[in-house]
Amino acid sequence: MAPADDRQAVRDGEGSTPMADLAYAVLLIGVFLLLALCVRGLERL
């Protein structure tokens, strides 16, 4: 059972956790929202 778990960890990339994936997704969404706000702000000028 243990070797299969080790293989899964390697396949996921150094044992990445779902929490790290979630944090990365939130970061990307935040960057896109910030970019959209900047563009809308520039349109008003």
PDB file of N, CA and C in Angstrom:
ATOM      1  N   MET A   1       0.835  -1.209   0.000  1.00  0.00           N
ATOM      2  CA  MET A   1       0.000   0.000   0.000  1.00  0.00           C
ATOM      3  C   MET A   1       0.865   1.253   0.000  1.00  0.00           C
ATOM      4  N   ALA A   2       1.958   1.229   0.739  1.00  0.00           N
ATOM      5  CA  ALA A   2       2.803   2.416   0.847  1.00  0.00           C
ATOM      6  C   ALA A   2       3.453   2.805  -0.486  1.00  0.00           C
ATOM      7  N   PRO A   3       3.992   1.844  -1.274  1.00  0.00           N
ATOM      8  CA  PRO A   3       4.619   2.247  -2.544  1.00  0.00           C
ATOM      9  C   PRO A   3       3.649   2.950  -3.487  1.00  0.00           C
ATOM     10  N   ALA A   4       2.394   2.531  -3.510  1.00  0.00           N
ATOM     11  CA  ALA A   4       1.408   3.189  -4.368  1.00  0.00           C
ATOM     12  C   ALA A   4       1.201   4.635  -3.915  1.00  0.00           C
ATOM     13  N   ASP A   5       1.191   4.848  -2.603  1.00  0.00           N
ATOM     14  CA  ASP A   5       1.041   6.206  -2.090  1.00  0.00           C
ATOM     15  C   ASP A   5       2.229   7.061  -2.496  1.00  0.00           C
ATOM     16  N   ASP A   6       3.435   6.471  -2.457  1.00  0.00           N
ATOM     17  CA  ASP A   6       4.639   7.207  -2.849  1.00  0.00           C
ATOM     18  C   ASP A   6       4.581   7.573  -4.325  1.00  0.00           C
ATOM     19  N   ARG A   7       4.118   6.632  -5.147  1.00  0.00           N
ATOM     20  CA  ARG A   7       4.013   6.919  -6.572  1.00  0.00           C
ATOM     21  C   ARG A   7       3.014   8.038  -6.834  1.00  0.00           C
ATOM     22  N   GLN A   8       1.917   8.052  -6.113  1.00  0.00           N
ATOM     23  CA  GLN A   8       0.909   9.106  -6.268  1.00  0.00           C
ATOM     24  C   GLN A   8       1.508  10.455  -5.906  1.00  0.00           C
ATOM     25  N   ALA A   9       2.302  10.491  -4.845  1.00  0.00           N
ATOM     26  CA  ALA A   9       2.909  11.754  -4.411  1.00  0.00           C
ATOM     27  C   ALA A   9       3.872  12.268  -5.470  1.00  0.00           C
ATOM     28  N   VAL A  10       4.637  11.373  -6.076  1.00  0.00           N
ATOM     29  CA  VAL A  10       5.587  11.796  -7.110  1.00  0.00           C
ATOM     30  C   VAL A  10       4.840  12.288  -8.341  1.00  0.00           C
ATOM     31  N   ARG A  11       3.761  11.580  -8.714  1.00  0.00           N
ATOM     32  CA  ARG A  11       2.994  11.972  -9.894  1.00  0.00           C
ATOM     33  C   ARG A  11       2.357  13.347  -9.702  1.00  0.00           C
ATOM     34  N   ASP A  12       1.947  13.672  -8.469  1.00  0.00           N
ATOM     35  CA  ASP A  12       1.335  14.974  -8.204  1.00  0.00           C
ATOM     36  C   ASP A  12       2.368  16.088  -8.160  1.00  0.00           C
ATOM     37  N   GLY A  13       3.635  15.741  -8.142  1.00  0.00           N
ATOM     38  CA  GLY A  13       4.665  16.766  -8.125  1.00  0.00           C
ATOM     39  C   GLY A  13       5.107  17.068  -6.711  1.00  0.00           C
ATOM     40  N   GLU A  14       6.003  16.270  -6.186  1.00  0.00           N
ATOM     41  CA  GLU A  14       6.558  16.470  -4.843  1.00  0.00           C
ATOM     42  C   GLU A  14       5.473  16.500  -3.764  1.00  0.00           C
ATOM     43  N   GLY A  15       4.389  15.795  -3.971  1.00  0.00           N
ATOM     44  CA  GLY A  15       3.345  15.700  -2.952  1.00  0.00           C
ATOM     45  C   GLY A  15       2.620  17.013  -2.731  1.00  0.00           C
ATOM     46  N   SER A  16       2.220  17.685  -3.797  1.00  0.00           N
ATOM     47  CA  SER A  16       1.494  18.948  -3.649  1.00  0.00           C
ATOM     48  C   SER A  16       0.149  18.703  -2.968  1.00  0.00           C
ATOM     49  N   THR A  17      -0.228  19.608  -2.113  1.00  0.00           N
ATOM     50  CA  THR A  17      -1.470  19.444  -1.368  1.00  0.00           C
ATOM     51  C   THR A  17      -2.602  20.185  -2.069  1.00  0.00           C
ATOM     52  N   PRO A  18      -3.842  19.759  -1.874  1.00  0.00           N
ATOM     53  CA  PRO A  18      -4.982  20.488  -2.454  1.00  0.00           C
ATOM     54  C   PRO A  18      -5.036  21.928  -1.961  1.00  0.00           C
ATOM     55  N   MET A  19      -4.532  22.180  -0.741  1.00  0.00           N
ATOM     56  CA  MET A  19      -4.549  23.543  -0.204  1.00  0.00           C
ATOM     57  C   MET A  19      -3.648  24.460  -1.028  1.00  0.00           C
ATOM     58  N   ALA A  20      -2.502  23.940  -1.471  1.00  0.00           N
ATOM     59  CA  ALA A  20      -1.595  24.732  -2.290  1.00  0.00           C
ATOM     60  C   ALA A  20      -2.231  25.031  -3.648  1.00  0.00           C
ATOM     61  N   ASP A  21      -2.913  24.040  -4.219  1.00  0.00           N
ATOM     62  CA  ASP A  21      -3.591  24.252  -5.499  1.00  0.00           C
ATOM     63  C   ASP A  21      -4.688  25.306  -5.352  1.00  0.00           C
ATOM     64  N   LEU A  22      -5.410  25.249  -4.251  1.00  0.00           N
ATOM     65  CA  LEU A  22      -6.474  26.220  -4.008  1.00  0.00           C
ATOM     66  C   LEU A  22      -5.898  27.621  -3.847  1.00  0.00           C
ATOM     67  N   ALA A  23      -4.800  27.731  -3.120  1.00  0.00           N
ATOM     68  CA  ALA A  23      -4.163  29.036  -2.923  1.00  0.00           C
ATOM     69  C   ALA A  23      -3.680  29.605  -4.253  1.00  0.00           C
ATOM     70  N   TYR A  24      -3.130  28.747  -5.114  1.00  0.00           N
ATOM     71  CA  TYR A  24      -2.653  29.187  -6.424  1.00  0.00           C
ATOM     72  C   TYR A  24      -3.816  29.669  -7.295  1.00  0.00           C
ATOM     73  N   ALA A  25      -4.941  28.961  -7.255  1.00  0.00           N
ATOM     74  CA  ALA A  25      -6.114  29.362  -8.025  1.00  0.00           C
ATOM     75  C   ALA A  25      -6.645  30.707  -7.528  1.00  0.00           C
ATOM     76  N   VAL A  26      -6.694  30.888  -6.206  1.00  0.00           N
ATOM     77  CA  VAL A  26      -7.172  32.155  -5.643  1.00  0.00           C
ATOM     78  C   VAL A  26      -6.236  33.291  -6.035  1.00  0.00           C
ATOM     79  N   LEU A  27      -4.931  33.026  -6.047  1.00  0.00           N
ATOM     80  CA  LEU A  27      -3.965  34.047  -6.446  1.00  0.00           C
ATOM     81  C   LEU A  27      -4.174  34.462  -7.898  1.00  0.00           C
ATOM     82  N   LEU A  28      -4.378  33.477  -8.784  1.00  0.00           N
ATOM     83  CA  LEU A  28      -4.603  33.793 -10.195  1.00  0.00           C
ATOM     84  C   LEU A  28      -5.875  34.609 -10.387  1.00  0.00           C
ATOM     85  N   ILE A  29      -6.946  34.214  -9.699  1.00  0.00           N
ATOM     86  CA  ILE A  29      -8.206  34.945  -9.808  1.00  0.00           C
ATOM     87  C   ILE A  29      -8.031  36.369  -9.300  1.00  0.00           C
ATOM     88  N   GLY A  30      -7.303  36.528  -8.202  1.00  0.00           N
ATOM     89  CA  GLY A  30      -7.058  37.863  -7.657  1.00  0.00           C
ATOM     90  C   GLY A  30      -6.291  38.746  -8.627  1.00  0.00           C
ATOM     91  N   VAL A  31      -5.301  38.182  -9.299  1.00  0.00           N
ATOM     92  CA  VAL A  31      -4.519  38.956 -10.270  1.00  0.00           C
ATOM     93  C   VAL A  31      -5.402  39.395 -11.432  1.00  0.00           C
ATOM     94  N   PHE A  32      -6.252  38.490 -11.923  1.00  0.00           N
ATOM     95  CA  PHE A  32      -7.132  38.858 -13.033  1.00  0.00           C
ATOM     96  C   PHE A  32      -8.146  39.924 -12.610  1.00  0.00           C
ATOM     97  N   LEU A  33      -8.660  39.835 -11.385  1.00  0.00           N
ATOM     98  CA  LEU A  33      -9.585  40.864 -10.897  1.00  0.00           C
ATOM     99  C   LEU A  33      -8.887  42.212 -10.788  1.00  0.00           C
ATOM    100  N   LEU A  34      -7.664  42.211 -10.280  1.00  0.00           N
ATOM    101  CA  LEU A  34      -6.904  43.448 -10.164  1.00  0.00           C
ATOM    102  C   LEU A  34      -6.648  44.055 -11.539  1.00  0.00           C
ATOM    103  N   LEU A  35      -6.310  43.220 -12.500  1.00  0.00           N
ATOM    104  CA  LEU A  35      -6.079  43.692 -13.863  1.00  0.00           C
ATOM    105  C   LEU A  35      -7.359  44.286 -14.454  1.00  0.00           C
ATOM    106  N   ALA A  36      -8.488  43.623 -14.229  1.00  0.00           N
ATOM    107  CA  ALA A  36      -9.765  44.128 -14.749  1.00  0.00           C
ATOM    108  C   ALA A  36     -10.114  45.479 -14.107  1.00  0.00           C
ATOM    109  N   LEU A  37      -9.878  45.629 -12.812  1.00  0.00           N
ATOM    110  CA  LEU A  37     -10.142  46.900 -12.146  1.00  0.00           C
ATOM    111  C   LEU A  37      -9.260  48.004 -12.682  1.00  0.00           C
ATOM    112  N   CYS A  38      -7.998  47.692 -12.961  1.00  0.00           N
ATOM    113  CA  CYS A  38      -7.080  48.699 -13.521  1.00  0.00           C
ATOM    114  C   CYS A  38      -7.539  49.146 -14.901  1.00  0.00           C
ATOM    115  N   VAL A  39      -7.963  48.185 -15.742  1.00  0.00           N
ATOM    116  CA  VAL A  39      -8.420  48.524 -17.087  1.00  0.00           C
ATOM    117  C   VAL A  39      -9.673  49.395 -17.025  1.00  0.00           C
ATOM    118  N   ARG A  40     -10.601  49.055 -16.139  1.00  0.00           N
ATOM    119  CA  ARG A  40     -11.825  49.855 -16.008  1.00  0.00           C
ATOM    120  C   ARG A  40     -11.513  51.246 -15.504  1.00  0.00           C
ATOM    121  N   GLY A  41     -10.534  51.351 -14.608  1.00  0.00           N
ATOM    122  CA  GLY A  41     -10.123  52.655 -14.112  1.00  0.00           C
ATOM    123  C   GLY A  41      -9.500  53.512 -15.207  1.00  0.00           C
ATOM    124  N   LEU A  42      -8.738  52.882 -16.078  1.00  0.00           N
ATOM    125  CA  LEU A  42      -8.109  53.624 -17.179  1.00  0.00           C
ATOM    126  C   LEU A  42      -9.136  54.077 -18.198  1.00  0.00           C
ATOM    127  N   GLU A  43     -10.215  53.303 -18.364  1.00  0.00           N
ATOM    128  CA  GLU A  43     -11.256  53.699 -19.312  1.00  0.00           C
ATOM    129  C   GLU A  43     -11.947  54.984 -18.882  1.00  0.00           C
ATOM    130  N   ARG A  44     -11.997  55.236 -17.581  1.00  0.00           N
ATOM    131  CA  ARG A  44     -12.674  56.441 -17.091  1.00  0.00           C
ATOM    132  C   ARG A  44     -11.857  57.696 -17.342  1.00  0.00           C
ATOM    133  N   LEU A  45     -10.548  57.567 -17.554  1.00  0.00           N
ATOM    134  CA  LEU A  45      -9.698  58.752 -17.765  1.00  0.00           C
ATOM    135  C   LEU A  45      -9.922  59.358 -19.136  1.00  0.00           C
TER     136      LEU A  45
END
